[in-house]
Amino acid sequence: MRFIFDFYQFNIDSSDLLDDNTAIVKEMKTHYTKAWETLGYENKPDESMLNQMGYLLLETEKVDFVGKFFKLNVAYYSKSFNVYYALGDFYLASKHKDKAIESFERA
């Protein structure tokens, strides 16, 4: 099965998260869109995985990069309170108090 569905697994190296010029979020979106088209059903990354990556990066002070993960999570899981809460944390860290309040209220 793994041979037949070798395209399914998306691997992330720690170097992908540490490199300031990485396009990992774009690559992730492309990967899951392709898997969705190939398999014929919605396929997206796990909500908690995206949140964990975002919060880990928040500790490294890569605030702009963090926003990409949290915004991707909102795009995939727009009905989850948790993604808006995390987005609010991102906005607080990036000193956008009004947007943070908006996200927390939405959560």
PDB file of N, CA and C in Angstrom:
ATOM      1  N   MET A   1       0.818  -1.192   0.000  1.00  0.00           N
ATOM      2  CA  MET A   1       0.000   0.000   0.000  1.00  0.00           C
ATOM      3  C   MET A   1       0.866   1.262   0.000  1.00  0.00           C
ATOM      4  N   ARG A   2       1.931   1.247   0.751  1.00  0.00           N
ATOM      5  CA  ARG A   2       2.790   2.437   0.784  1.00  0.00           C
ATOM      6  C   ARG A   2       3.425   2.708  -0.568  1.00  0.00           C
ATOM      7  N   PHE A   3       3.708   1.667  -1.317  1.00  0.00           N
ATOM      8  CA  PHE A   3       4.262   1.831  -2.656  1.00  0.00           C
ATOM      9  C   PHE A   3       3.230   2.484  -3.576  1.00  0.00           C
ATOM     10  N   ILE A   4       2.008   2.013  -3.520  1.00  0.00           N
ATOM     11  CA  ILE A   4       0.949   2.544  -4.379  1.00  0.00           C
ATOM     12  C   ILE A   4       0.633   3.996  -4.023  1.00  0.00           C
ATOM     13  N   PHE A   5       0.635   4.286  -2.741  1.00  0.00           N
ATOM     14  CA  PHE A   5       0.291   5.627  -2.280  1.00  0.00           C
ATOM     15  C   PHE A   5       1.524   6.390  -1.779  1.00  0.00           C
ATOM     16  N   ASP A   6       2.638   6.244  -2.469  1.00  0.00           N
ATOM     17  CA  ASP A   6       3.882   6.887  -2.034  1.00  0.00           C
ATOM     18  C   ASP A   6       3.789   8.408  -2.045  1.00  0.00           C
ATOM     19  N   PHE A   7       2.866   8.972  -2.780  1.00  0.00           N
ATOM     20  CA  PHE A   7       2.678  10.417  -2.854  1.00  0.00           C
ATOM     21  C   PHE A   7       1.954  10.974  -1.621  1.00  0.00           C
ATOM     22  N   TYR A   8       1.344  10.112  -0.844  1.00  0.00           N
ATOM     23  CA  TYR A   8       0.449  10.533   0.229  1.00  0.00           C
ATOM     24  C   TYR A   8       1.178  11.180   1.414  1.00  0.00           C
ATOM     25  N   GLN A   9       2.282  10.614   1.811  1.00  0.00           N
ATOM     26  CA  GLN A   9       3.009  11.089   2.996  1.00  0.00           C
ATOM     27  C   GLN A   9       3.710  12.409   2.711  1.00  0.00           C
ATOM     28  N   PHE A  10       3.567  13.367   3.602  1.00  0.00           N
ATOM     29  CA  PHE A  10       4.268  14.649   3.496  1.00  0.00           C
ATOM     30  C   PHE A  10       5.282  14.717   4.620  1.00  0.00           C
ATOM     31  N   ASN A  11       6.540  14.841   4.270  1.00  0.00           N
ATOM     32  CA  ASN A  11       7.607  14.846   5.269  1.00  0.00           C
ATOM     33  C   ASN A  11       8.153  16.256   5.452  1.00  0.00           C
ATOM     34  N   ILE A  12       8.372  16.598   6.696  1.00  0.00           N
ATOM     35  CA  ILE A  12       8.960  17.888   7.041  1.00  0.00           C
ATOM     36  C   ILE A  12      10.211  17.636   7.859  1.00  0.00           C
ATOM     37  N   ASP A  13      11.305  18.209   7.421  1.00  0.00           N
ATOM     38  CA  ASP A  13      12.549  18.151   8.189  1.00  0.00           C
ATOM     39  C   ASP A  13      12.623  19.378   9.085  1.00  0.00           C
ATOM     40  N   SER A  14      13.361  19.264  10.167  1.00  0.00           N
ATOM     41  CA  SER A  14      13.519  20.425  11.051  1.00  0.00           C
ATOM     42  C   SER A  14      14.183  21.576  10.308  1.00  0.00           C
ATOM     43  N   SER A  15      15.019  21.256   9.322  1.00  0.00           N
ATOM     44  CA  SER A  15      15.673  22.312   8.541  1.00  0.00           C
ATOM     45  C   SER A  15      14.649  23.127   7.752  1.00  0.00           C
ATOM     46  N   ASP A  16      13.526  22.493   7.377  1.00  0.00           N
ATOM     47  CA  ASP A  16      12.468  23.216   6.677  1.00  0.00           C
ATOM     48  C   ASP A  16      11.852  24.298   7.555  1.00  0.00           C
ATOM     49  N   LEU A  17      11.860  24.073   8.840  1.00  0.00           N
ATOM     50  CA  LEU A  17      11.270  25.036   9.766  1.00  0.00           C
ATOM     51  C   LEU A  17      12.270  26.074  10.244  1.00  0.00           C
ATOM     52  N   LEU A  18      13.542  25.758  10.153  1.00  0.00           N
ATOM     53  CA  LEU A  18      14.561  26.683  10.641  1.00  0.00           C
ATOM     54  C   LEU A  18      15.076  27.630   9.569  1.00  0.00           C
ATOM     55  N   ASP A  19      14.901  27.265   8.308  1.00  0.00           N
ATOM     56  CA  ASP A  19      15.383  28.075   7.190  1.00  0.00           C
ATOM     57  C   ASP A  19      14.422  29.243   6.956  1.00  0.00           C
ATOM     58  N   ASP A  20      14.945  30.463   6.999  1.00  0.00           N
ATOM     59  CA  ASP A  20      14.108  31.643   6.818  1.00  0.00           C
ATOM     60  C   ASP A  20      13.523  31.749   5.402  1.00  0.00           C
ATOM     61  N   ASN A  21      14.147  31.112   4.439  1.00  0.00           N
ATOM     62  CA  ASN A  21      13.694  31.203   3.050  1.00  0.00           C
ATOM     63  C   ASN A  21      12.866  29.997   2.608  1.00  0.00           C
ATOM     64  N   THR A  22      12.415  29.217   3.533  1.00  0.00           N
ATOM     65  CA  THR A  22      11.675  28.013   3.196  1.00  0.00           C
ATOM     66  C   THR A  22      10.299  28.337   2.613  1.00  0.00           C
ATOM     67  N   ALA A  23       9.851  27.457   1.774  1.00  0.00           N
ATOM     68  CA  ALA A  23       8.513  27.576   1.185  1.00  0.00           C
ATOM     69  C   ALA A  23       7.650  26.410   1.652  1.00  0.00           C
ATOM     70  N   ILE A  24       7.898  25.938   2.862  1.00  0.00           N
ATOM     71  CA  ILE A  24       7.264  24.723   3.354  1.00  0.00           C
ATOM     72  C   ILE A  24       5.736  24.838   3.416  1.00  0.00           C
ATOM     73  N   VAL A  25       5.216  25.991   3.749  1.00  0.00           N
ATOM     74  CA  VAL A  25       3.765  26.146   3.826  1.00  0.00           C
ATOM     75  C   VAL A  25       3.159  26.032   2.427  1.00  0.00           C
ATOM     76  N   LYS A  26       3.782  26.661   1.463  1.00  0.00           N
ATOM     77  CA  LYS A  26       3.319  26.568   0.077  1.00  0.00           C
ATOM     78  C   LYS A  26       3.421  25.124  -0.423  1.00  0.00           C
ATOM     79  N   GLU A  27       4.518  24.469  -0.115  1.00  0.00           N
ATOM     80  CA  GLU A  27       4.702  23.073  -0.515  1.00  0.00           C
ATOM     81  C   GLU A  27       3.651  22.175   0.137  1.00  0.00           C
ATOM     82  N   MET A  28       3.317  22.469   1.376  1.00  0.00           N
ATOM     83  CA  MET A  28       2.311  21.687   2.084  1.00  0.00           C
ATOM     84  C   MET A  28       0.946  21.850   1.416  1.00  0.00           C
ATOM     85  N   LYS A  29       0.581  23.083   1.087  1.00  0.00           N
ATOM     86  CA  LYS A  29      -0.690  23.325   0.414  1.00  0.00           C
ATOM     87  C   LYS A  29      -0.741  22.595  -0.934  1.00  0.00           C
ATOM     88  N   THR A  30       0.349  22.661  -1.686  1.00  0.00           N
ATOM     89  CA  THR A  30       0.415  21.992  -2.981  1.00  0.00           C
ATOM     90  C   THR A  30       0.287  20.489  -2.820  1.00  0.00           C
ATOM     91  N   HIS A  31       0.996  19.934  -1.849  1.00  0.00           N
ATOM     92  CA  HIS A  31       0.967  18.492  -1.612  1.00  0.00           C
ATOM     93  C   HIS A  31      -0.444  18.006  -1.302  1.00  0.00           C
ATOM     94  N   TYR A  32      -1.109  18.663  -0.357  1.00  0.00           N
ATOM     95  CA  TYR A  32      -2.432  18.197   0.052  1.00  0.00           C
ATOM     96  C   TYR A  32      -3.484  18.433  -1.036  1.00  0.00           C
ATOM     97  N   THR A  33      -3.313  19.466  -1.830  1.00  0.00           N
ATOM     98  CA  THR A  33      -4.220  19.683  -2.962  1.00  0.00           C
ATOM     99  C   THR A  33      -4.055  18.574  -3.991  1.00  0.00           C
ATOM    100  N   LYS A  34      -2.811  18.217  -4.270  1.00  0.00           N
ATOM    101  CA  LYS A  34      -2.546  17.134  -5.237  1.00  0.00           C
ATOM    102  C   LYS A  34      -3.096  15.800  -4.718  1.00  0.00           C
ATOM    103  N   ALA A  35      -2.888  15.518  -3.447  1.00  0.00           N
ATOM    104  CA  ALA A  35      -3.411  14.277  -2.867  1.00  0.00           C
ATOM    105  C   ALA A  35      -4.937  14.263  -2.930  1.00  0.00           C
ATOM    106  N   TRP A  36      -5.550  15.402  -2.684  1.00  0.00           N
ATOM    107  CA  TRP A  36      -7.000  15.544  -2.746  1.00  0.00           C
ATOM    108  C   TRP A  36      -7.496  15.208  -4.152  1.00  0.00           C
ATOM    109  N   GLU A  37      -6.829  15.802  -5.155  1.00  0.00           N
ATOM    110  CA  GLU A  37      -7.215  15.561  -6.549  1.00  0.00           C
ATOM    111  C   GLU A  37      -6.998  14.105  -6.949  1.00  0.00           C
ATOM    112  N   THR A  38      -5.910  13.519  -6.510  1.00  0.00           N
ATOM    113  CA  THR A  38      -5.578  12.140  -6.875  1.00  0.00           C
ATOM    114  C   THR A  38      -6.538  11.143  -6.228  1.00  0.00           C
ATOM    115  N   LEU A  39      -6.833  11.353  -4.958  1.00  0.00           N
ATOM    116  CA  LEU A  39      -7.667  10.409  -4.223  1.00  0.00           C
ATOM    117  C   LEU A  39      -9.165  10.654  -4.395  1.00  0.00           C
ATOM    118  N   GLY A  40      -9.519  11.860  -4.787  1.00  0.00           N
ATOM    119  CA  GLY A  40     -10.921  12.167  -5.009  1.00  0.00           C
ATOM    120  C   GLY A  40     -11.706  12.507  -3.760  1.00  0.00           C
ATOM    121  N   TYR A  41     -11.025  12.783  -2.667  1.00  0.00           N
ATOM    122  CA  TYR A  41     -11.709  13.240  -1.456  1.00  0.00           C
ATOM    123  C   TYR A  41     -10.814  14.239  -0.736  1.00  0.00           C
ATOM    124  N   GLU A  42     -11.454  15.042   0.106  1.00  0.00           N
ATOM    125  CA  GLU A  42     -10.726  16.102   0.809  1.00  0.00           C
ATOM    126  C   GLU A  42      -9.593  15.527   1.642  1.00  0.00           C
ATOM    127  N   ASN A  43      -8.445  16.108   1.469  1.00  0.00           N
ATOM    128  CA  ASN A  43      -7.258  15.667   2.186  1.00  0.00           C
ATOM    129  C   ASN A  43      -6.537  16.918   2.672  1.00  0.00           C
ATOM    130  N   LYS A  44      -6.310  17.005   3.951  1.00  0.00           N
ATOM    131  CA  LYS A  44      -5.650  18.176   4.512  1.00  0.00           C
ATOM    132  C   LYS A  44      -4.797  17.774   5.707  1.00  0.00           C
ATOM    133  N   PRO A  45      -3.827  18.621   6.060  1.00  0.00           N
ATOM    134  CA  PRO A  45      -2.978  18.296   7.204  1.00  0.00           C
ATOM    135  C   PRO A  45      -3.780  18.324   8.500  1.00  0.00           C
ATOM    136  N   ASP A  46      -3.295  17.630   9.485  1.00  0.00           N
ATOM    137  CA  ASP A  46      -3.952  17.561  10.784  1.00  0.00           C
ATOM    138  C   ASP A  46      -3.930  18.929  11.460  1.00  0.00           C
ATOM    139  N   GLU A  47      -5.067  19.330  11.986  1.00  0.00           N
ATOM    140  CA  GLU A  47      -5.193  20.629  12.647  1.00  0.00           C
ATOM    141  C   GLU A  47      -4.205  20.780  13.798  1.00  0.00           C
ATOM    142  N   SER A  48      -4.096  19.779  14.637  1.00  0.00           N
ATOM    143  CA  SER A  48      -3.204  19.886  15.794  1.00  0.00           C
ATOM    144  C   SER A  48      -1.737  19.923  15.375  1.00  0.00           C
ATOM    145  N   MET A  49      -1.390  19.248  14.280  1.00  0.00           N
ATOM    146  CA  MET A  49      -0.010  19.288  13.793  1.00  0.00           C
ATOM    147  C   MET A  49       0.363  20.708  13.363  1.00  0.00           C
ATOM    148  N   LEU A  50      -0.525  21.365  12.621  1.00  0.00           N
ATOM    149  CA  LEU A  50      -0.245  22.733  12.199  1.00  0.00           C
ATOM    150  C   LEU A  50      -0.134  23.666  13.392  1.00  0.00           C
ATOM    151  N   ASN A  51      -1.008  23.490  14.377  1.00  0.00           N
ATOM    152  CA  ASN A  51      -0.938  24.317  15.587  1.00  0.00           C
ATOM    153  C   ASN A  51       0.367  24.080  16.339  1.00  0.00           C
ATOM    154  N   GLN A  52       0.760  22.826  16.476  1.00  0.00           N
ATOM    155  CA  GLN A  52       2.002  22.519  17.188  1.00  0.00           C
ATOM    156  C   GLN A  52       3.204  23.148  16.489  1.00  0.00           C
ATOM    157  N   MET A  53       3.246  23.037  15.172  1.00  0.00           N
ATOM    158  CA  MET A  53       4.366  23.647  14.441  1.00  0.00           C
ATOM    159  C   MET A  53       4.365  25.152  14.634  1.00  0.00           C
ATOM    160  N   GLY A  54       3.185  25.754  14.571  1.00  0.00           N
ATOM    161  CA  GLY A  54       3.092  27.196  14.768  1.00  0.00           C
ATOM    162  C   GLY A  54       3.569  27.628  16.142  1.00  0.00           C
ATOM    163  N   TYR A  55       3.125  26.925  17.179  1.00  0.00           N
ATOM    164  CA  TYR A  55       3.536  27.296  18.533  1.00  0.00           C
ATOM    165  C   TYR A  55       5.022  27.028  18.780  1.00  0.00           C
ATOM    166  N   LEU A  56       5.562  25.970  18.203  1.00  0.00           N
ATOM    167  CA  LEU A  56       6.999  25.733  18.324  1.00  0.00           C
ATOM    168  C   LEU A  56       7.790  26.861  17.673  1.00  0.00           C
ATOM    169  N   LEU A  57       7.336  27.293  16.519  1.00  0.00           N
ATOM    170  CA  LEU A  57       8.011  28.389  15.828  1.00  0.00           C
ATOM    171  C   LEU A  57       7.838  29.715  16.561  1.00  0.00           C
ATOM    172  N   LEU A  58       6.715  29.867  17.243  1.00  0.00           N
ATOM    173  CA  LEU A  58       6.488  31.094  17.999  1.00  0.00           C
ATOM    174  C   LEU A  58       7.552  31.264  19.070  1.00  0.00           C
ATOM    175  N   GLU A  59       8.007  30.155  19.630  1.00  0.00           N
ATOM    176  CA  GLU A  59       9.069  30.205  20.636  1.00  0.00           C
ATOM    177  C   GLU A  59      10.410  30.612  20.041  1.00  0.00           C
ATOM    178  N   THR A  60      10.600  30.405  18.743  1.00  0.00           N
ATOM    179  CA  THR A  60      11.853  30.789  18.089  1.00  0.00           C
ATOM    180  C   THR A  60      11.799  32.212  17.559  1.00  0.00           C
ATOM    181  N   GLU A  61      10.677  32.878  17.794  1.00  0.00           N
ATOM    182  CA  GLU A  61      10.475  34.266  17.397  1.00  0.00           C
ATOM    183  C   GLU A  61      10.438  34.469  15.885  1.00  0.00           C
ATOM    184  N   LYS A  62      10.059  33.452  15.157  1.00  0.00           N
ATOM    185  CA  LYS A  62       9.863  33.579  13.704  1.00  0.00           C
ATOM    186  C   LYS A  62       8.397  33.933  13.470  1.00  0.00           C
ATOM    187  N   VAL A  63       8.024  35.095  13.918  1.00  0.00           N
ATOM    188  CA  VAL A  63       6.624  35.480  13.988  1.00  0.00           C
ATOM    189  C   VAL A  63       5.948  35.483  12.614  1.00  0.00           C
ATOM    190  N   ASP A  64       6.580  36.019  11.595  1.00  0.00           N
ATOM    191  CA  ASP A  64       5.957  36.061  10.270  1.00  0.00           C
ATOM    192  C   ASP A  64       5.699  34.657   9.740  1.00  0.00           C
ATOM    193  N   PHE A  65       6.632  33.783   9.970  1.00  0.00           N
ATOM    194  CA  PHE A  65       6.515  32.396   9.519  1.00  0.00           C
ATOM    195  C   PHE A  65       5.386  31.686  10.263  1.00  0.00           C
ATOM    196  N   VAL A  66       5.256  31.981  11.537  1.00  0.00           N
ATOM    197  CA  VAL A  66       4.210  31.391  12.368  1.00  0.00           C
ATOM    198  C   VAL A  66       2.839  31.726  11.796  1.00  0.00           C
ATOM    199  N   GLY A  67       2.675  32.955  11.388  1.00  0.00           N
ATOM    200  CA  GLY A  67       1.405  33.394  10.836  1.00  0.00           C
ATOM    201  C   GLY A  67       0.963  32.568   9.652  1.00  0.00           C
ATOM    202  N   LYS A  68       1.900  32.126   8.835  1.00  0.00           N
ATOM    203  CA  LYS A  68       1.555  31.311   7.667  1.00  0.00           C
ATOM    204  C   LYS A  68       0.934  29.984   8.085  1.00  0.00           C
ATOM    205  N   PHE A  69       1.467  29.370   9.131  1.00  0.00           N
ATOM    206  CA  PHE A  69       0.914  28.103   9.614  1.00  0.00           C
ATOM    207  C   PHE A  69      -0.473  28.295  10.220  1.00  0.00           C
ATOM    208  N   PHE A  70      -0.621  29.321  11.046  1.00  0.00           N
ATOM    209  CA  PHE A  70      -1.909  29.550  11.690  1.00  0.00           C
ATOM    210  C   PHE A  70      -2.976  29.968  10.678  1.00  0.00           C
ATOM    211  N   LYS A  71      -2.597  30.772   9.693  1.00  0.00           N
ATOM    212  CA  LYS A  71      -3.556  31.179   8.660  1.00  0.00           C
ATOM    213  C   LYS A  71      -3.941  29.988   7.781  1.00  0.00           C
ATOM    214  N   LEU A  72      -2.996  29.105   7.508  1.00  0.00           N
ATOM    215  CA  LEU A  72      -3.312  27.891   6.753  1.00  0.00           C
ATOM    216  C   LEU A  72      -4.298  27.034   7.536  1.00  0.00           C
ATOM    217  N   ASN A  73      -4.099  26.952   8.832  1.00  0.00           N
ATOM    218  CA  ASN A  73      -4.995  26.171   9.677  1.00  0.00           C
ATOM    219  C   ASN A  73      -6.410  26.758   9.664  1.00  0.00           C
ATOM    220  N   VAL A  74      -6.513  28.078   9.668  1.00  0.00           N
ATOM    221  CA  VAL A  74      -7.821  28.731   9.592  1.00  0.00           C
ATOM    222  C   VAL A  74      -8.474  28.417   8.246  1.00  0.00           C
ATOM    223  N   ALA A  75      -7.688  28.417   7.183  1.00  0.00           N
ATOM    224  CA  ALA A  75      -8.234  28.116   5.852  1.00  0.00           C
ATOM    225  C   ALA A  75      -8.781  26.686   5.792  1.00  0.00           C
ATOM    226  N   TYR A  76      -8.086  25.759   6.407  1.00  0.00           N
ATOM    227  CA  TYR A  76      -8.515  24.357   6.380  1.00  0.00           C
ATOM    228  C   TYR A  76      -9.613  24.044   7.401  1.00  0.00           C
ATOM    229  N   TYR A  77      -9.580  24.696   8.548  1.00  0.00           N
ATOM    230  CA  TYR A  77     -10.489  24.351   9.655  1.00  0.00           C
ATOM    231  C   TYR A  77     -11.226  25.595  10.159  1.00  0.00           C
ATOM    232  N   SER A  78     -11.936  26.257   9.284  1.00  0.00           N
ATOM    233  CA  SER A  78     -12.576  27.533   9.613  1.00  0.00           C
ATOM    234  C   SER A  78     -13.675  27.420  10.677  1.00  0.00           C
ATOM    235  N   LYS A  79     -14.138  26.224  10.967  1.00  0.00           N
ATOM    236  CA  LYS A  79     -15.191  26.058  11.980  1.00  0.00           C
ATOM    237  C   LYS A  79     -14.641  25.666  13.352  1.00  0.00           C
ATOM    238  N   SER A  80     -13.329  25.603  13.474  1.00  0.00           N
ATOM    239  CA  SER A  80     -12.705  25.211  14.740  1.00  0.00           C
ATOM    240  C   SER A  80     -12.350  26.457  15.563  1.00  0.00           C
ATOM    241  N   PHE A  81     -12.799  26.491  16.800  1.00  0.00           N
ATOM    242  CA  PHE A  81     -12.442  27.614  17.667  1.00  0.00           C
ATOM    243  C   PHE A  81     -10.944  27.676  17.905  1.00  0.00           C
ATOM    244  N   ASN A  82     -10.312  26.504  17.968  1.00  0.00           N
ATOM    245  CA  ASN A  82      -8.903  26.412  18.319  1.00  0.00           C
ATOM    246  C   ASN A  82      -7.989  27.142  17.327  1.00  0.00           C
ATOM    247  N   VAL A  83      -8.324  27.099  16.050  1.00  0.00           N
ATOM    248  CA  VAL A  83      -7.469  27.746  15.050  1.00  0.00           C
ATOM    249  C   VAL A  83      -7.531  29.266  15.187  1.00  0.00           C
ATOM    250  N   TYR A  84      -8.674  29.786  15.581  1.00  0.00           N
ATOM    251  CA  TYR A  84      -8.799  31.239  15.775  1.00  0.00           C
ATOM    252  C   TYR A  84      -8.095  31.676  17.056  1.00  0.00           C
ATOM    253  N   TYR A  85      -8.109  30.814  18.055  1.00  0.00           N
ATOM    254  CA  TYR A  85      -7.386  31.113  19.287  1.00  0.00           C
ATOM    255  C   TYR A  85      -5.875  31.192  19.005  1.00  0.00           C
ATOM    256  N   ALA A  86      -5.376  30.225  18.244  1.00  0.00           N
ATOM    257  CA  ALA A  86      -3.953  30.222  17.888  1.00  0.00           C
ATOM    258  C   ALA A  86      -3.611  31.437  17.030  1.00  0.00           C
ATOM    259  N   LEU A  87      -4.494  31.781  16.097  1.00  0.00           N
ATOM    260  CA  LEU A  87      -4.262  32.960  15.265  1.00  0.00           C
ATOM    261  C   LEU A  87      -4.219  34.216  16.132  1.00  0.00           C
ATOM    262  N   GLY A  88      -5.055  34.258  17.151  1.00  0.00           N
ATOM    263  CA  GLY A  88      -5.019  35.377  18.091  1.00  0.00           C
ATOM    264  C   GLY A  88      -3.685  35.463  18.813  1.00  0.00           C
ATOM    265  N   ASP A  89      -3.135  34.335  19.205  1.00  0.00           N
ATOM    266  CA  ASP A  89      -1.807  34.328  19.834  1.00  0.00           C
ATOM    267  C   ASP A  89      -0.747  34.861  18.877  1.00  0.00           C
ATOM    268  N   PHE A  90      -0.859  34.483  17.610  1.00  0.00           N
ATOM    269  CA  PHE A  90       0.066  35.008  16.597  1.00  0.00           C
ATOM    270  C   PHE A  90      -0.046  36.525  16.508  1.00  0.00           C
ATOM    271  N   TYR A  91      -1.270  37.028  16.440  1.00  0.00           N
ATOM    272  CA  TYR A  91      -1.449  38.470  16.330  1.00  0.00           C
ATOM    273  C   TYR A  91      -0.934  39.201  17.570  1.00  0.00           C
ATOM    274  N   LEU A  92      -1.100  38.602  18.736  1.00  0.00           N
ATOM    275  CA  LEU A  92      -0.532  39.216  19.945  1.00  0.00           C
ATOM    276  C   LEU A  92       0.986  39.281  19.850  1.00  0.00           C
ATOM    277  N   ALA A  93       1.600  38.198  19.419  1.00  0.00           N
ATOM    278  CA  ALA A  93       3.054  38.144  19.313  1.00  0.00           C
ATOM    279  C   ALA A  93       3.583  39.125  18.268  1.00  0.00           C
ATOM    280  N   SER A  94       2.765  39.388  17.249  1.00  0.00           N
ATOM    281  CA  SER A  94       3.206  40.305  16.194  1.00  0.00           C
ATOM    282  C   SER A  94       2.701  41.730  16.429  1.00  0.00           C
ATOM    283  N   LYS A  95       2.203  41.979  17.640  1.00  0.00           N
ATOM    284  CA  LYS A  95       1.790  43.320  18.081  1.00  0.00           C
ATOM    285  C   LYS A  95       0.613  43.886  17.295  1.00  0.00           C
ATOM    286  N   HIS A  96      -0.309  43.032  16.899  1.00  0.00           N
ATOM    287  CA  HIS A  96      -1.542  43.454  16.222  1.00  0.00           C
ATOM    288  C   HIS A  96      -2.719  43.190  17.175  1.00  0.00           C
ATOM    289  N   LYS A  97      -2.834  44.050  18.167  1.00  0.00           N
ATOM    290  CA  LYS A  97      -3.798  43.839  19.242  1.00  0.00           C
ATOM    291  C   LYS A  97      -5.241  43.765  18.727  1.00  0.00           C
ATOM    292  N   ASP A  98      -5.614  44.643  17.800  1.00  0.00           N
ATOM    293  CA  ASP A  98      -6.995  44.641  17.294  1.00  0.00           C
ATOM    294  C   ASP A  98      -7.332  43.322  16.591  1.00  0.00           C
ATOM    295  N   LYS A  99      -6.408  42.828  15.779  1.00  0.00           N
ATOM    296  CA  LYS A  99      -6.633  41.560  15.088  1.00  0.00           C
ATOM    297  C   LYS A  99      -6.653  40.398  16.079  1.00  0.00           C
ATOM    298  N   ALA A 100      -5.848  40.498  17.121  1.00  0.00           N
ATOM    299  CA  ALA A 100      -5.834  39.451  18.154  1.00  0.00           C
ATOM    300  C   ALA A 100      -7.189  39.380  18.847  1.00  0.00           C
ATOM    301  N   ILE A 101      -7.710  40.531  19.228  1.00  0.00           N
ATOM    302  CA  ILE A 101      -9.019  40.575  19.890  1.00  0.00           C
ATOM    303  C   ILE A 101     -10.088  39.997  18.971  1.00  0.00           C
ATOM    304  N   GLU A 102     -10.035  40.363  17.708  1.00  0.00           N
ATOM    305  CA  GLU A 102     -10.996  39.838  16.723  1.00  0.00           C
ATOM    306  C   GLU A 102     -10.936  38.315  16.628  1.00  0.00           C
ATOM    307  N   SER A 103      -9.731  37.781  16.601  1.00  0.00           N
ATOM    308  CA  SER A 103      -9.571  36.315  16.520  1.00  0.00           C
ATOM    309  C   SER A 103     -10.051  35.631  17.792  1.00  0.00           C
ATOM    310  N   PHE A 104      -9.720  36.205  18.938  1.00  0.00           N
ATOM    311  CA  PHE A 104     -10.165  35.605  20.199  1.00  0.00           C
ATOM    312  C   PHE A 104     -11.694  35.638  20.310  1.00  0.00           C
ATOM    313  N   GLU A 105     -12.303  36.726  19.862  1.00  0.00           N
ATOM    314  CA  GLU A 105     -13.768  36.805  19.893  1.00  0.00           C
ATOM    315  C   GLU A 105     -14.382  35.772  18.950  1.00  0.00           C
ATOM    316  N   ARG A 106     -13.761  35.584  17.813  1.00  0.00           N
ATOM    317  CA  ARG A 106     -14.257  34.592  16.847  1.00  0.00           C
ATOM    318  C   ARG A 106     -14.138  33.167  17.439  1.00  0.00           C
ATOM    319  N   ALA A 107     -13.056  32.940  18.174  1.00  0.00           N
ATOM    320  CA  ALA A 107     -12.871  31.629  18.801  1.00  0.00           C
ATOM    321  C   ALA A 107     -13.992  31.360  19.782  1.00  0.00           C
TER     322      ALA A 107
END
